[in-house]
Amino acid sequence: MTKNTKNVVLEKSYAEYMEGFTDAATGEAKRGFMTVVSELEQRFPDPTSIESEKEKKDFVKLFGEYLRAENILQNYDEFATLKALQQIDLSDPVAVEKFKAEHYVDDEKFAELQTIRLPADRKIQDYRSAYNDIRDWQRREKEAEKKEKSTTDWDDVVFEVDLLKSQEINLDYILGLIFEHNRQNKGKGEMIEEVKRLIRSSLGNRAKEGLVVDFIQQTNLDDLPDKASIIEAFFTFAQREQQREAESIDKRRKSQ
């Protein structure tokens, strides 16, 4: 045995990460991804209803465990296949056959994949939004020096910011989604709710929520023929709003 043996991380199989395993070195039982998903959905079916500080801490720890497990599984082709399955219409035989061909899945494997249920993208966006909200809240609590009054110890909690950033949705994607929603003739109310959910799940774009919503409300999206046009229109709109805000601040200063 070499001196570096203790530092070697033994890669487990996809099935072990999904279902759980016992660490050979420590004897510690490691929970599988599906167990974490099940607990997440059972304990926190509606993340917007999380109120007490203890609930906030429990949710942050559990969703952090979800993020870490998902991050590992993203290295496996099997997980990519499972995620891709969630995006197809199972009632569409053409889409099903295309999926099977692209992912080299036979009928038996396809039936097996259908038994594994992952949370809907919307639910994960809601979880991410709640996670970000709690992170912001906890940071404000620290800054206000209220931590001493808290009955909950947050010292053992790590917010998985790097993992969130690694899966960050960029603004161009969100603007492209607006274009697609408009092309499908979805009403602006429904579109705004969908976009707000997506923005709130994103660390980097949360501050832009009001600007994006104003853009949707004030723009005739039917005049924009493609995604490139909507991106250009948004940045023109943003520059105009920024200039207007600067002029407003300047006027207030002069009137003081």
C-alpha atoms as a PDB file:
ATOM      1  CA  MET A   1       0.000   0.000   0.000  1.00  0.00           C
ATOM      2  CA  THR A   2       1.434   3.379  -0.954  1.00  0.00           C
ATOM      3  CA  LYS A   3       1.366   6.401   1.341  1.00  0.00           C
ATOM      4  CA  ASN A   4      -1.186   8.049  -0.946  1.00  0.00           C
ATOM      5  CA  THR A   5      -3.709   5.208  -0.743  1.00  0.00           C
ATOM      6  CA  LYS A   6      -5.734   6.902   1.988  1.00  0.00           C
ATOM      7  CA  ASN A   7      -6.221   9.947  -0.216  1.00  0.00           C
ATOM      8  CA  VAL A   8      -7.602   8.023  -3.176  1.00  0.00           C
ATOM      9  CA  VAL A   9     -11.327   8.550  -3.735  1.00  0.00           C
ATOM     10  CA  LEU A  10     -12.824   5.308  -5.011  1.00  0.00           C
ATOM     11  CA  GLU A  11     -15.352   6.010  -7.732  1.00  0.00           C
ATOM     12  CA  LYS A  12     -18.574   4.132  -7.195  1.00  0.00           C
ATOM     13  CA  SER A  13     -20.925   2.808  -9.829  1.00  0.00           C
ATOM     14  CA  TYR A  14     -23.903   4.742 -11.121  1.00  0.00           C
ATOM     15  CA  ALA A  15     -26.244   2.313  -9.342  1.00  0.00           C
ATOM     16  CA  GLU A  16     -24.444   2.845  -6.025  1.00  0.00           C
ATOM     17  CA  TYR A  17     -24.744   6.621  -6.256  1.00  0.00           C
ATOM     18  CA  MET A  18     -28.424   6.271  -7.171  1.00  0.00           C
ATOM     19  CA  GLU A  19     -29.336   3.667  -4.547  1.00  0.00           C
ATOM     20  CA  GLY A  20     -26.733   4.187  -1.810  1.00  0.00           C
ATOM     21  CA  PHE A  21     -23.688   2.269  -0.603  1.00  0.00           C
ATOM     22  CA  THR A  22     -21.457   1.628   2.400  1.00  0.00           C
ATOM     23  CA  ASP A  23     -18.070   3.335   2.352  1.00  0.00           C
ATOM     24  CA  ALA A  24     -15.469   0.547   2.465  1.00  0.00           C
ATOM     25  CA  ALA A  25     -12.893   2.763   4.182  1.00  0.00           C
ATOM     26  CA  THR A  26     -15.077   4.186   6.965  1.00  0.00           C
ATOM     27  CA  GLY A  27     -18.003   1.779   7.128  1.00  0.00           C
ATOM     28  CA  GLU A  28     -20.314   4.776   6.828  1.00  0.00           C
ATOM     29  CA  ALA A  29     -23.608   4.277   4.996  1.00  0.00           C
ATOM     30  CA  LYS A  30     -23.996   6.787   2.159  1.00  0.00           C
ATOM     31  CA  ARG A  31     -27.520   7.611   1.064  1.00  0.00           C
ATOM     32  CA  GLY A  32     -28.441   7.248  -2.574  1.00  0.00           C
ATOM     33  CA  PHE A  33     -29.733  10.068  -4.746  1.00  0.00           C
ATOM     34  CA  MET A  34     -33.250   8.632  -4.922  1.00  0.00           C
ATOM     35  CA  THR A  35     -33.485   8.458  -1.116  1.00  0.00           C
ATOM     36  CA  VAL A  36     -32.518  12.128  -0.917  1.00  0.00           C
ATOM     37  CA  VAL A  37     -35.083  13.027  -3.601  1.00  0.00           C
ATOM     38  CA  SER A  38     -37.801  11.082  -1.778  1.00  0.00           C
ATOM     39  CA  GLU A  39     -37.091  12.809   1.545  1.00  0.00           C
ATOM     40  CA  LEU A  40     -36.935  16.211  -0.140  1.00  0.00           C
ATOM     41  CA  GLU A  41     -40.364  15.757  -1.722  1.00  0.00           C
ATOM     42  CA  GLN A  42     -41.936  14.275   1.414  1.00  0.00           C
ATOM     43  CA  ARG A  43     -40.615  16.846   3.893  1.00  0.00           C
ATOM     44  CA  PHE A  44     -40.762  19.916   1.658  1.00  0.00           C
ATOM     45  CA  PRO A  45     -43.490  19.432  -0.980  1.00  0.00           C
ATOM     46  CA  ASP A  46     -44.003  23.207  -1.096  1.00  0.00           C
ATOM     47  CA  PRO A  47     -40.741  25.097  -0.476  1.00  0.00           C
ATOM     48  CA  THR A  48     -42.614  28.422  -0.312  1.00  0.00           C
ATOM     49  CA  SER A  49     -44.223  27.271   2.952  1.00  0.00           C
ATOM     50  CA  ILE A  50     -40.889  26.933   4.803  1.00  0.00           C
ATOM     51  CA  GLU A  51     -41.147  29.385   7.702  1.00  0.00           C
ATOM     52  CA  SER A  52     -39.350  28.437  10.918  1.00  0.00           C
ATOM     53  CA  GLU A  53     -35.587  28.799  11.247  1.00  0.00           C
ATOM     54  CA  LYS A  54     -35.251  25.082  11.971  1.00  0.00           C
ATOM     55  CA  GLU A  55     -37.167  24.247   8.781  1.00  0.00           C
ATOM     56  CA  LYS A  56     -34.921  26.592   6.823  1.00  0.00           C
ATOM     57  CA  LYS A  57     -31.781  24.941   8.154  1.00  0.00           C
ATOM     58  CA  ASP A  58     -33.128  21.406   7.579  1.00  0.00           C
ATOM     59  CA  PHE A  59     -34.100  22.298   4.017  1.00  0.00           C
ATOM     60  CA  VAL A  60     -30.732  23.896   3.225  1.00  0.00           C
ATOM     61  CA  LYS A  61     -28.850  20.823   4.483  1.00  0.00           C
ATOM     62  CA  LEU A  62     -31.099  18.417   2.589  1.00  0.00           C
ATOM     63  CA  PHE A  63     -31.097  20.361  -0.683  1.00  0.00           C
ATOM     64  CA  GLY A  64     -27.331  20.769  -0.363  1.00  0.00           C
ATOM     65  CA  GLU A  65     -27.110  16.971  -0.171  1.00  0.00           C
ATOM     66  CA  TYR A  66     -29.262  16.814  -3.315  1.00  0.00           C
ATOM     67  CA  LEU A  67     -26.966  19.247  -5.165  1.00  0.00           C
ATOM     68  CA  ARG A  68     -23.833  17.296  -4.218  1.00  0.00           C
ATOM     69  CA  ALA A  69     -25.344  13.971  -5.277  1.00  0.00           C
ATOM     70  CA  GLU A  70     -26.636  15.395  -8.552  1.00  0.00           C
ATOM     71  CA  ASN A  71     -23.234  16.945  -9.260  1.00  0.00           C
ATOM     72  CA  ILE A  72     -21.574  13.523  -9.036  1.00  0.00           C
ATOM     73  CA  LEU A  73     -24.249  11.807 -11.124  1.00  0.00           C
ATOM     74  CA  GLN A  74     -23.859  14.310 -13.946  1.00  0.00           C
ATOM     75  CA  ASN A  75     -20.607  12.531 -14.800  1.00  0.00           C
ATOM     76  CA  TYR A  76     -22.562   9.409 -15.796  1.00  0.00           C
ATOM     77  CA  ASP A  77     -24.146   8.876 -19.218  1.00  0.00           C
ATOM     78  CA  GLU A  78     -26.949   6.899 -17.555  1.00  0.00           C
ATOM     79  CA  PHE A  79     -28.016   9.970 -15.598  1.00  0.00           C
ATOM     80  CA  ALA A  80     -27.925  12.157 -18.712  1.00  0.00           C
ATOM     81  CA  THR A  81     -30.203   9.598 -20.395  1.00  0.00           C
ATOM     82  CA  LEU A  82     -32.582   9.609 -17.424  1.00  0.00           C
ATOM     83  CA  LYS A  83     -32.717  13.413 -17.420  1.00  0.00           C
ATOM     84  CA  ALA A  84     -33.337  13.474 -21.179  1.00  0.00           C
ATOM     85  CA  LEU A  85     -36.277  11.104 -20.739  1.00  0.00           C
ATOM     86  CA  GLN A  86     -38.008  13.669 -18.523  1.00  0.00           C
ATOM     87  CA  GLN A  87     -38.097  16.100 -21.461  1.00  0.00           C
ATOM     88  CA  ILE A  88     -39.930  13.938 -24.002  1.00  0.00           C
ATOM     89  CA  ASP A  89     -43.642  13.396 -24.543  1.00  0.00           C
ATOM     90  CA  LEU A  90     -44.168   9.707 -23.802  1.00  0.00           C
ATOM     91  CA  SER A  91     -47.448   9.750 -25.740  1.00  0.00           C
ATOM     92  CA  ASP A  92     -45.557  10.708 -28.916  1.00  0.00           C
ATOM     93  CA  PRO A  93     -44.250   7.482 -30.540  1.00  0.00           C
ATOM     94  CA  VAL A  94     -41.939   9.412 -32.870  1.00  0.00           C
ATOM     95  CA  ALA A  95     -40.310  11.232 -29.936  1.00  0.00           C
ATOM     96  CA  VAL A  96     -39.982   7.963 -28.018  1.00  0.00           C
ATOM     97  CA  GLU A  97     -38.283   6.158 -30.902  1.00  0.00           C
ATOM     98  CA  LYS A  98     -35.966   9.109 -31.494  1.00  0.00           C
ATOM     99  CA  PHE A  99     -35.000   9.057 -27.805  1.00  0.00           C
ATOM    100  CA  LYS A 100     -34.279   5.312 -27.909  1.00  0.00           C
ATOM    101  CA  ALA A 101     -32.084   5.698 -30.992  1.00  0.00           C
ATOM    102  CA  GLU A 102     -30.138   8.697 -29.674  1.00  0.00           C
ATOM    103  CA  HIS A 103     -29.450   7.083 -26.298  1.00  0.00           C
ATOM    104  CA  TYR A 104     -29.070   3.455 -27.470  1.00  0.00           C
ATOM    105  CA  VAL A 105     -31.944   2.295 -25.268  1.00  0.00           C
ATOM    106  CA  ASP A 106     -33.860  -0.925 -25.976  1.00  0.00           C
ATOM    107  CA  ASP A 107     -37.468  -1.615 -24.939  1.00  0.00           C
ATOM    108  CA  GLU A 108     -36.474  -3.321 -21.687  1.00  0.00           C
ATOM    109  CA  LYS A 109     -34.197  -0.460 -20.621  1.00  0.00           C
ATOM    110  CA  PHE A 110     -36.810   2.090 -21.654  1.00  0.00           C
ATOM    111  CA  ALA A 111     -39.400   0.421 -19.431  1.00  0.00           C
ATOM    112  CA  GLU A 112     -36.899   0.395 -16.556  1.00  0.00           C
ATOM    113  CA  LEU A 113     -36.120   4.106 -16.983  1.00  0.00           C
ATOM    114  CA  GLN A 114     -39.818   4.940 -16.788  1.00  0.00           C
ATOM    115  CA  THR A 115     -39.988   3.501 -13.259  1.00  0.00           C
ATOM    116  CA  ILE A 116     -37.460   6.082 -12.000  1.00  0.00           C
ATOM    117  CA  ARG A 117     -39.226   9.339 -11.228  1.00  0.00           C
ATOM    118  CA  LEU A 118     -37.229  12.546 -10.942  1.00  0.00           C
ATOM    119  CA  PRO A 119     -38.648  15.847  -9.676  1.00  0.00           C
ATOM    120  CA  ALA A 120     -40.035  18.089 -12.406  1.00  0.00           C
ATOM    121  CA  ASP A 121     -37.806  20.941 -13.593  1.00  0.00           C
ATOM    122  CA  ARG A 122     -40.316  23.411 -12.146  1.00  0.00           C
ATOM    123  CA  LYS A 123     -40.062  21.822  -8.707  1.00  0.00           C
ATOM    124  CA  ILE A 124     -36.258  21.982  -8.766  1.00  0.00           C
ATOM    125  CA  GLN A 125     -36.447  25.637  -9.825  1.00  0.00           C
ATOM    126  CA  ASP A 126     -38.718  26.285  -6.826  1.00  0.00           C
ATOM    127  CA  TYR A 127     -36.260  24.466  -4.545  1.00  0.00           C
ATOM    128  CA  ARG A 128     -33.359  26.514  -5.913  1.00  0.00           C
ATOM    129  CA  SER A 129     -35.333  29.705  -5.439  1.00  0.00           C
ATOM    130  CA  ALA A 130     -36.103  28.815  -1.806  1.00  0.00           C
ATOM    131  CA  TYR A 131     -32.454  27.847  -1.251  1.00  0.00           C
ATOM    132  CA  ASN A 132     -31.287  31.211  -2.616  1.00  0.00           C
ATOM    133  CA  ASP A 133     -33.919  33.071  -0.560  1.00  0.00           C
ATOM    134  CA  ILE A 134     -32.760  31.374   2.638  1.00  0.00           C
ATOM    135  CA  ARG A 135     -29.131  32.114   1.800  1.00  0.00           C
ATOM    136  CA  ASP A 136     -29.986  35.801   1.352  1.00  0.00           C
ATOM    137  CA  TRP A 137     -32.035  35.786   4.572  1.00  0.00           C
ATOM    138  CA  GLN A 138     -29.239  34.121   6.554  1.00  0.00           C
ATOM    139  CA  ARG A 139     -26.705  36.615   5.247  1.00  0.00           C
ATOM    140  CA  ARG A 140     -28.940  39.505   6.337  1.00  0.00           C
ATOM    141  CA  GLU A 141     -29.340  37.934   9.764  1.00  0.00           C
ATOM    142  CA  LYS A 142     -25.572  37.786  10.161  1.00  0.00           C
ATOM    143  CA  GLU A 143     -25.117  41.357   9.016  1.00  0.00           C
ATOM    144  CA  ALA A 144     -27.775  42.533  11.468  1.00  0.00           C
ATOM    145  CA  GLU A 145     -25.965  40.621  14.223  1.00  0.00           C
ATOM    146  CA  LYS A 146     -29.101  38.732  15.162  1.00  0.00           C
ATOM    147  CA  LYS A 147     -27.331  35.411  15.102  1.00  0.00           C
ATOM    148  CA  GLU A 148     -26.738  35.524  18.882  1.00  0.00           C
ATOM    149  CA  LYS A 149     -30.503  35.559  19.464  1.00  0.00           C
ATOM    150  CA  SER A 150     -31.076  32.552  17.211  1.00  0.00           C
ATOM    151  CA  THR A 151     -31.860  29.186  18.770  1.00  0.00           C
ATOM    152  CA  THR A 152     -30.581  27.435  15.637  1.00  0.00           C
ATOM    153  CA  ASP A 153     -26.863  26.864  15.076  1.00  0.00           C
ATOM    154  CA  TRP A 154     -25.899  27.455  11.429  1.00  0.00           C
ATOM    155  CA  ASP A 155     -22.182  26.768  11.866  1.00  0.00           C
ATOM    156  CA  ASP A 156     -22.461  23.269  10.360  1.00  0.00           C
ATOM    157  CA  VAL A 157     -24.325  24.496   7.267  1.00  0.00           C
ATOM    158  CA  VAL A 158     -22.512  25.090   3.974  1.00  0.00           C
ATOM    159  CA  PHE A 159     -24.352  26.811   1.134  1.00  0.00           C
ATOM    160  CA  GLU A 160     -23.296  25.048  -2.082  1.00  0.00           C
ATOM    161  CA  VAL A 161     -22.777  28.267  -4.043  1.00  0.00           C
ATOM    162  CA  ASP A 162     -20.194  26.786  -6.428  1.00  0.00           C
ATOM    163  CA  LEU A 163     -22.538  23.938  -7.367  1.00  0.00           C
ATOM    164  CA  LEU A 164     -25.344  26.406  -8.015  1.00  0.00           C
ATOM    165  CA  LYS A 165     -23.051  28.522 -10.181  1.00  0.00           C
ATOM    166  CA  SER A 166     -21.883  25.480 -12.147  1.00  0.00           C
ATOM    167  CA  GLN A 167     -25.492  24.907 -13.249  1.00  0.00           C
ATOM    168  CA  GLU A 168     -26.293  28.574 -13.748  1.00  0.00           C
ATOM    169  CA  ILE A 169     -28.792  29.532 -16.436  1.00  0.00           C
ATOM    170  CA  ASN A 170     -27.573  32.497 -18.455  1.00  0.00           C
ATOM    171  CA  LEU A 171     -29.698  35.475 -19.420  1.00  0.00           C
ATOM    172  CA  ASP A 172     -29.628  34.618 -23.135  1.00  0.00           C
ATOM    173  CA  TYR A 173     -31.325  31.298 -22.304  1.00  0.00           C
ATOM    174  CA  ILE A 174     -34.068  33.101 -20.363  1.00  0.00           C
ATOM    175  CA  LEU A 175     -34.618  35.557 -23.223  1.00  0.00           C
ATOM    176  CA  GLY A 176     -34.757  32.641 -25.660  1.00  0.00           C
ATOM    177  CA  LEU A 177     -37.425  31.067 -23.466  1.00  0.00           C
ATOM    178  CA  ILE A 178     -39.469  34.283 -23.683  1.00  0.00           C
ATOM    179  CA  PHE A 179     -39.260  34.078 -27.488  1.00  0.00           C
ATOM    180  CA  GLU A 180     -40.391  30.420 -27.498  1.00  0.00           C
ATOM    181  CA  HIS A 181     -43.275  31.120 -25.103  1.00  0.00           C
ATOM    182  CA  ASN A 182     -44.474  33.996 -27.264  1.00  0.00           C
ATOM    183  CA  ARG A 183     -44.230  31.857 -30.400  1.00  0.00           C
ATOM    184  CA  GLN A 184     -46.467  29.287 -28.679  1.00  0.00           C
ATOM    185  CA  ASN A 185     -49.007  32.087 -28.093  1.00  0.00           C
ATOM    186  CA  LYS A 186     -48.790  31.846 -24.317  1.00  0.00           C
ATOM    187  CA  GLY A 187     -50.249  34.850 -22.522  1.00  0.00           C
ATOM    188  CA  LYS A 188     -47.915  37.362 -20.925  1.00  0.00           C
ATOM    189  CA  GLY A 189     -49.211  36.530 -17.437  1.00  0.00           C
ATOM    190  CA  GLU A 190     -48.279  32.861 -17.767  1.00  0.00           C
ATOM    191  CA  MET A 191     -44.986  33.795 -19.418  1.00  0.00           C
ATOM    192  CA  ILE A 192     -44.048  36.175 -16.599  1.00  0.00           C
ATOM    193  CA  GLU A 193     -44.750  33.549 -13.922  1.00  0.00           C
ATOM    194  CA  GLU A 194     -42.578  31.005 -15.739  1.00  0.00           C
ATOM    195  CA  VAL A 195     -39.742  33.490 -16.244  1.00  0.00           C
ATOM    196  CA  LYS A 196     -39.892  34.712 -12.625  1.00  0.00           C
ATOM    197  CA  ARG A 197     -39.610  31.128 -11.400  1.00  0.00           C
ATOM    198  CA  LEU A 198     -36.545  30.593 -13.583  1.00  0.00           C
ATOM    199  CA  ILE A 199     -34.870  33.875 -12.593  1.00  0.00           C
ATOM    200  CA  ARG A 200     -35.392  33.307  -8.873  1.00  0.00           C
ATOM    201  CA  SER A 201     -33.674  29.928  -9.147  1.00  0.00           C
ATOM    202  CA  SER A 202     -30.588  31.656 -10.589  1.00  0.00           C
ATOM    203  CA  LEU A 203     -27.925  33.258  -8.400  1.00  0.00           C
ATOM    204  CA  GLY A 204     -26.636  35.578 -11.093  1.00  0.00           C
ATOM    205  CA  ASN A 205     -29.953  36.795 -12.508  1.00  0.00           C
ATOM    206  CA  ARG A 206     -32.140  37.319  -9.418  1.00  0.00           C
ATOM    207  CA  ALA A 207     -31.434  41.055  -9.370  1.00  0.00           C
ATOM    208  CA  LYS A 208     -32.667  41.358 -12.975  1.00  0.00           C
ATOM    209  CA  GLU A 209     -36.179  40.031 -12.288  1.00  0.00           C
ATOM    210  CA  GLY A 210     -37.893  43.439 -12.313  1.00  0.00           C
ATOM    211  CA  LEU A 211     -36.083  44.519 -15.465  1.00  0.00           C
ATOM    212  CA  VAL A 212     -37.012  41.348 -17.373  1.00  0.00           C
ATOM    213  CA  VAL A 213     -40.658  41.560 -16.259  1.00  0.00           C
ATOM    214  CA  ASP A 214     -40.828  45.234 -17.326  1.00  0.00           C
ATOM    215  CA  PHE A 215     -39.338  44.262 -20.691  1.00  0.00           C
ATOM    216  CA  ILE A 216     -42.022  41.614 -21.253  1.00  0.00           C
ATOM    217  CA  GLN A 217     -44.824  43.973 -20.242  1.00  0.00           C
ATOM    218  CA  GLN A 218     -43.623  46.945 -22.278  1.00  0.00           C
ATOM    219  CA  THR A 219     -42.476  45.172 -25.454  1.00  0.00           C
ATOM    220  CA  ASN A 220     -44.522  43.952 -28.408  1.00  0.00           C
ATOM    221  CA  LEU A 221     -42.849  40.554 -28.627  1.00  0.00           C
ATOM    222  CA  ASP A 222     -44.608  39.751 -31.909  1.00  0.00           C
ATOM    223  CA  ASP A 223     -42.378  42.356 -33.594  1.00  0.00           C
ATOM    224  CA  LEU A 224     -39.262  40.312 -32.764  1.00  0.00           C
ATOM    225  CA  PRO A 225     -38.711  37.633 -35.442  1.00  0.00           C
ATOM    226  CA  ASP A 226     -36.015  35.530 -33.755  1.00  0.00           C
ATOM    227  CA  LYS A 227     -34.005  34.947 -30.573  1.00  0.00           C
ATOM    228  CA  ALA A 228     -31.183  37.252 -31.668  1.00  0.00           C
ATOM    229  CA  SER A 229     -33.705  40.076 -32.059  1.00  0.00           C
ATOM    230  CA  ILE A 230     -35.165  39.567 -28.592  1.00  0.00           C
ATOM    231  CA  ILE A 231     -31.690  39.570 -27.024  1.00  0.00           C
ATOM    232  CA  GLU A 232     -30.771  42.784 -28.852  1.00  0.00           C
ATOM    233  CA  ALA A 233     -34.105  44.384 -27.905  1.00  0.00           C
ATOM    234  CA  PHE A 234     -33.643  43.486 -24.244  1.00  0.00           C
ATOM    235  CA  PHE A 235     -30.171  44.986 -23.987  1.00  0.00           C
ATOM    236  CA  THR A 236     -31.372  48.156 -25.740  1.00  0.00           C
ATOM    237  CA  PHE A 237     -34.253  48.295 -23.244  1.00  0.00           C
ATOM    238  CA  ALA A 238     -31.865  47.699 -20.314  1.00  0.00           C
ATOM    239  CA  GLN A 239     -29.533  50.497 -21.440  1.00  0.00           C
ATOM    240  CA  ARG A 240     -32.488  52.863 -21.779  1.00  0.00           C
ATOM    241  CA  GLU A 241     -33.753  51.973 -18.296  1.00  0.00           C
ATOM    242  CA  GLN A 242     -30.269  52.386 -16.845  1.00  0.00           C
ATOM    243  CA  GLN A 243     -29.950  55.827 -18.433  1.00  0.00           C
ATOM    244  CA  ARG A 244     -33.394  56.835 -17.176  1.00  0.00           C
ATOM    245  CA  GLU A 245     -32.514  55.710 -13.651  1.00  0.00           C
ATOM    246  CA  ALA A 246     -29.241  57.664 -13.769  1.00  0.00           C
ATOM    247  CA  GLU A 247     -31.099  60.795 -14.906  1.00  0.00           C
ATOM    248  CA  SER A 248     -33.656  60.323 -12.128  1.00  0.00           C
ATOM    249  CA  ILE A 249     -30.910  60.045  -9.498  1.00  0.00           C
ATOM    250  CA  ASP A 250     -29.215  63.138 -10.916  1.00  0.00           C
ATOM    251  CA  LYS A 251     -32.468  65.132 -10.725  1.00  0.00           C
ATOM    252  CA  ARG A 252     -33.035  64.087  -7.113  1.00  0.00           C
ATOM    253  CA  ARG A 253     -29.520  65.172  -6.177  1.00  0.00           C
ATOM    254  CA  LYS A 254     -29.981  68.573  -7.822  1.00  0.00           C
ATOM    255  CA  SER A 255     -33.294  69.137  -6.043  1.00  0.00           C
ATOM    256  CA  GLN A 256     -31.769  68.522  -2.599  1.00  0.00           C
END
